[in-house]
Every structure is written in C-alpha cells, then in structure tokens.
N, C-alpha and C. Protein backbone atom coordinates (compact mmCIF):
# COMPACT_ATOMS: atom_id res chain seq x y z
N MET A 1 -33.19 -113.44 34.53
CA MET A 1 -31.96 -113.90 34.19
C MET A 1 -30.82 -113.76 35.24
N LYS A 2 -30.12 -114.59 35.30
CA LYS A 2 -28.91 -114.62 36.34
C LYS A 2 -27.66 -114.41 35.82
N ARG A 3 -27.03 -113.55 36.55
CA ARG A 3 -25.44 -113.17 36.25
C ARG A 3 -24.73 -114.42 36.06
N ILE A 4 -23.71 -114.36 35.33
CA ILE A 4 -22.63 -115.31 35.28
C ILE A 4 -21.17 -114.84 35.59
N CYS A 5 -21.17 -113.59 35.69
CA CYS A 5 -19.95 -112.96 35.91
C CYS A 5 -19.81 -112.18 37.08
N ILE A 6 -18.58 -112.04 37.80
CA ILE A 6 -18.46 -111.45 39.08
C ILE A 6 -17.51 -110.21 38.98
N TYR A 7 -17.77 -108.97 39.82
CA TYR A 7 -16.78 -107.83 39.77
C TYR A 7 -16.08 -107.65 40.98
N PRO A 8 -15.54 -106.92 40.99
CA PRO A 8 -14.46 -106.42 42.52
C PRO A 8 -15.44 -106.05 43.51
N LYS A 9 -16.48 -105.43 43.17
CA LYS A 9 -17.42 -104.73 44.23
C LYS A 9 -18.18 -106.04 44.87
N ASP A 10 -18.65 -107.29 43.91
CA ASP A 10 -19.33 -108.38 44.54
C ASP A 10 -18.14 -109.05 45.49
N ILE A 11 -17.14 -109.21 45.32
CA ILE A 11 -15.96 -109.78 45.92
C ILE A 11 -16.00 -108.89 47.32
N SER A 12 -15.99 -107.76 47.24
CA SER A 12 -16.03 -106.89 48.60
C SER A 12 -17.23 -107.26 49.37
N ARG A 13 -18.36 -107.25 48.81
CA ARG A 13 -19.51 -107.48 49.36
C ARG A 13 -19.42 -108.99 50.18
N ILE A 14 -19.11 -109.76 49.38
CA ILE A 14 -18.93 -111.39 49.92
C ILE A 14 -18.07 -111.51 50.99
N THR A 15 -16.78 -110.94 50.73
CA THR A 15 -15.85 -111.28 51.82
C THR A 15 -15.46 -110.29 52.85
N GLY A 16 -16.21 -109.01 52.69
CA GLY A 16 -16.09 -108.05 53.65
C GLY A 16 -14.76 -107.23 53.72
N LYS A 17 -13.93 -107.44 52.70
CA LYS A 17 -12.71 -106.77 52.47
C LYS A 17 -13.05 -105.46 51.59
N SER A 18 -12.15 -104.63 51.80
CA SER A 18 -12.16 -103.37 50.96
C SER A 18 -12.15 -103.50 49.47
N TYR A 19 -12.63 -102.45 48.70
CA TYR A 19 -12.67 -102.43 47.28
C TYR A 19 -11.31 -102.64 46.70
N ARG A 20 -10.39 -102.23 47.26
CA ARG A 20 -9.03 -102.37 46.86
C ARG A 20 -8.49 -103.58 47.05
N GLN A 21 -8.64 -104.27 48.03
CA GLN A 21 -8.30 -105.68 48.29
C GLN A 21 -9.03 -106.55 47.32
N SER A 22 -10.04 -106.35 47.16
CA SER A 22 -11.08 -107.12 46.21
C SER A 22 -10.55 -107.04 44.68
N LEU A 23 -10.06 -105.79 44.42
CA LEU A 23 -9.59 -105.75 43.02
C LEU A 23 -8.32 -106.56 42.95
N ARG A 24 -7.45 -106.67 43.95
CA ARG A 24 -6.31 -107.44 43.93
C ARG A 24 -6.74 -108.89 43.74
N ILE A 25 -7.64 -109.40 44.67
CA ILE A 25 -8.02 -110.64 44.34
C ILE A 25 -8.64 -110.94 43.07
N TYR A 26 -9.48 -110.07 42.23
CA TYR A 26 -9.92 -110.16 41.10
C TYR A 26 -8.85 -110.29 39.98
N ASN A 27 -7.80 -109.53 40.39
CA ASN A 27 -6.66 -109.48 39.05
C ASN A 27 -5.86 -110.79 39.66
N ASN A 28 -5.78 -111.12 40.57
CA ASN A 28 -5.07 -112.42 40.97
C ASN A 28 -5.78 -113.72 40.21
N ILE A 29 -6.99 -113.65 40.30
CA ILE A 29 -7.98 -114.69 39.43
C ILE A 29 -7.60 -114.72 38.14
N LYS A 30 -7.61 -113.44 37.52
CA LYS A 30 -7.35 -113.18 36.16
C LYS A 30 -6.29 -113.75 35.79
N LYS A 31 -5.08 -113.60 36.60
CA LYS A 31 -3.73 -114.02 36.32
C LYS A 31 -3.70 -115.45 36.29
N ILE A 32 -4.17 -116.05 37.23
CA ILE A 32 -4.31 -117.50 37.33
C ILE A 32 -4.92 -118.27 36.31
N GLN A 33 -6.11 -117.56 35.97
CA GLN A 33 -6.78 -118.25 34.94
C GLN A 33 -6.39 -117.90 33.49
N ASN A 34 -5.31 -117.03 33.24
CA ASN A 34 -4.67 -116.39 32.12
C ASN A 34 -5.79 -115.67 31.23
N LYS A 35 -6.39 -115.08 31.94
CA LYS A 35 -7.28 -114.07 30.90
C LYS A 35 -6.62 -112.54 30.75
N GLN A 36 -7.38 -112.27 29.57
CA GLN A 36 -6.78 -110.81 29.11
C GLN A 36 -7.54 -109.73 29.80
N SER A 37 -7.14 -108.54 29.55
CA SER A 37 -7.36 -107.53 30.58
C SER A 37 -9.04 -107.18 30.22
N HIS A 38 -9.66 -107.53 29.08
CA HIS A 38 -11.05 -107.19 28.68
C HIS A 38 -11.93 -108.28 29.03
N GLN A 39 -11.56 -109.62 29.52
CA GLN A 39 -12.23 -110.81 29.76
C GLN A 39 -12.71 -110.66 31.09
N LEU A 40 -13.80 -111.32 31.59
CA LEU A 40 -14.47 -111.32 32.82
C LEU A 40 -14.21 -112.80 33.52
N ILE A 41 -14.56 -112.54 34.69
CA ILE A 41 -14.40 -113.77 35.72
C ILE A 41 -15.78 -114.27 36.03
N SER A 42 -16.05 -115.64 35.93
CA SER A 42 -17.29 -116.19 36.30
C SER A 42 -17.30 -116.47 37.65
N ILE A 43 -18.60 -116.70 38.11
CA ILE A 43 -18.90 -116.79 39.67
C ILE A 43 -17.96 -118.21 39.89
N GLU A 44 -17.98 -119.21 39.21
CA GLU A 44 -17.45 -120.48 39.57
C GLU A 44 -15.95 -120.24 39.81
N GLU A 45 -15.17 -119.43 38.92
CA GLU A 45 -13.71 -119.32 39.14
C GLU A 45 -13.45 -118.64 40.31
N ALA A 46 -14.33 -117.51 40.64
CA ALA A 46 -14.05 -116.74 41.83
C ALA A 46 -14.28 -117.75 43.04
N CYS A 47 -15.34 -118.64 42.93
CA CYS A 47 -15.60 -119.54 44.17
C CYS A 47 -14.52 -120.49 44.25
N GLN A 48 -14.05 -121.03 43.09
CA GLN A 48 -13.13 -121.87 43.19
C GLN A 48 -11.67 -121.35 43.81
N TYR A 49 -11.47 -120.06 43.71
CA TYR A 49 -10.27 -119.29 44.03
C TYR A 49 -10.64 -119.10 45.82
N LEU A 50 -11.79 -118.70 45.87
CA LEU A 50 -11.95 -118.24 47.31
C LEU A 50 -12.49 -119.31 48.30
N GLY A 51 -12.71 -120.68 47.66
CA GLY A 51 -13.22 -121.93 48.26
C GLY A 51 -14.53 -121.75 48.74
N LEU A 52 -15.37 -120.97 47.98
CA LEU A 52 -16.91 -120.86 48.62
C LEU A 52 -17.85 -121.73 47.69
N ASP A 53 -18.82 -121.95 48.10
CA ASP A 53 -19.81 -122.69 47.17
C ASP A 53 -20.73 -121.69 46.42
N ALA A 54 -20.71 -122.05 45.24
CA ALA A 54 -21.17 -121.05 44.16
C ALA A 54 -22.69 -120.71 44.29
N GLU A 55 -23.37 -121.97 44.65
CA GLU A 55 -24.67 -121.69 44.83
C GLU A 55 -25.21 -120.50 46.00
N LEU A 56 -24.34 -120.56 47.11
CA LEU A 56 -24.60 -119.63 48.11
C LEU A 56 -24.35 -118.08 47.50
N ILE A 57 -23.14 -118.18 46.77
CA ILE A 57 -22.78 -116.80 46.18
C ILE A 57 -23.82 -116.29 45.22
N ARG A 58 -24.43 -117.21 44.45
CA ARG A 58 -25.46 -116.74 43.47
C ARG A 58 -26.68 -116.18 44.16
N GLU A 59 -27.13 -116.90 45.25
CA GLU A 59 -28.30 -116.46 46.19
C GLU A 59 -28.15 -115.10 46.59
N ASN A 60 -26.79 -114.71 46.97
CA ASN A 60 -26.54 -113.37 47.66
C ASN A 60 -26.29 -112.30 46.65
N LEU A 61 -26.14 -112.54 45.36
CA LEU A 61 -25.78 -111.51 44.50
C LEU A 61 -26.91 -110.63 44.23
C-alpha cells in the first residue's frame, strides 16, 4: 500500500531543508489549502506547492 499523505520530515528529506523550515512549508501549504489543524496534506498538494513531480516524490518516499 502506498502513502497518500506527506509530513514535514518528508519535506525535509526531499528539499534538504531543516525540519523547522520544512514545518513552515507544511503549515504554509495547510494555510493555502484552507485545512484545519487535524487535516493532513496529500503528496499532490505538496508537489503543486513545491513545483515538483508527484511520481518522483512517491518513488523516493
């Protein structure tokens, strides 16, 4: 089974940024997508924000 959500630690691994910076990016995506604090972010939403290909990200998670 493949994951459909992404976490700040994943963003950190993908971008090479610190966990703290990745958490800011994660929260920024949540704010843009009008998500509540308990809701998760999909890989597609993160890729759209970061300008990356979703298939490449799925392969590397």
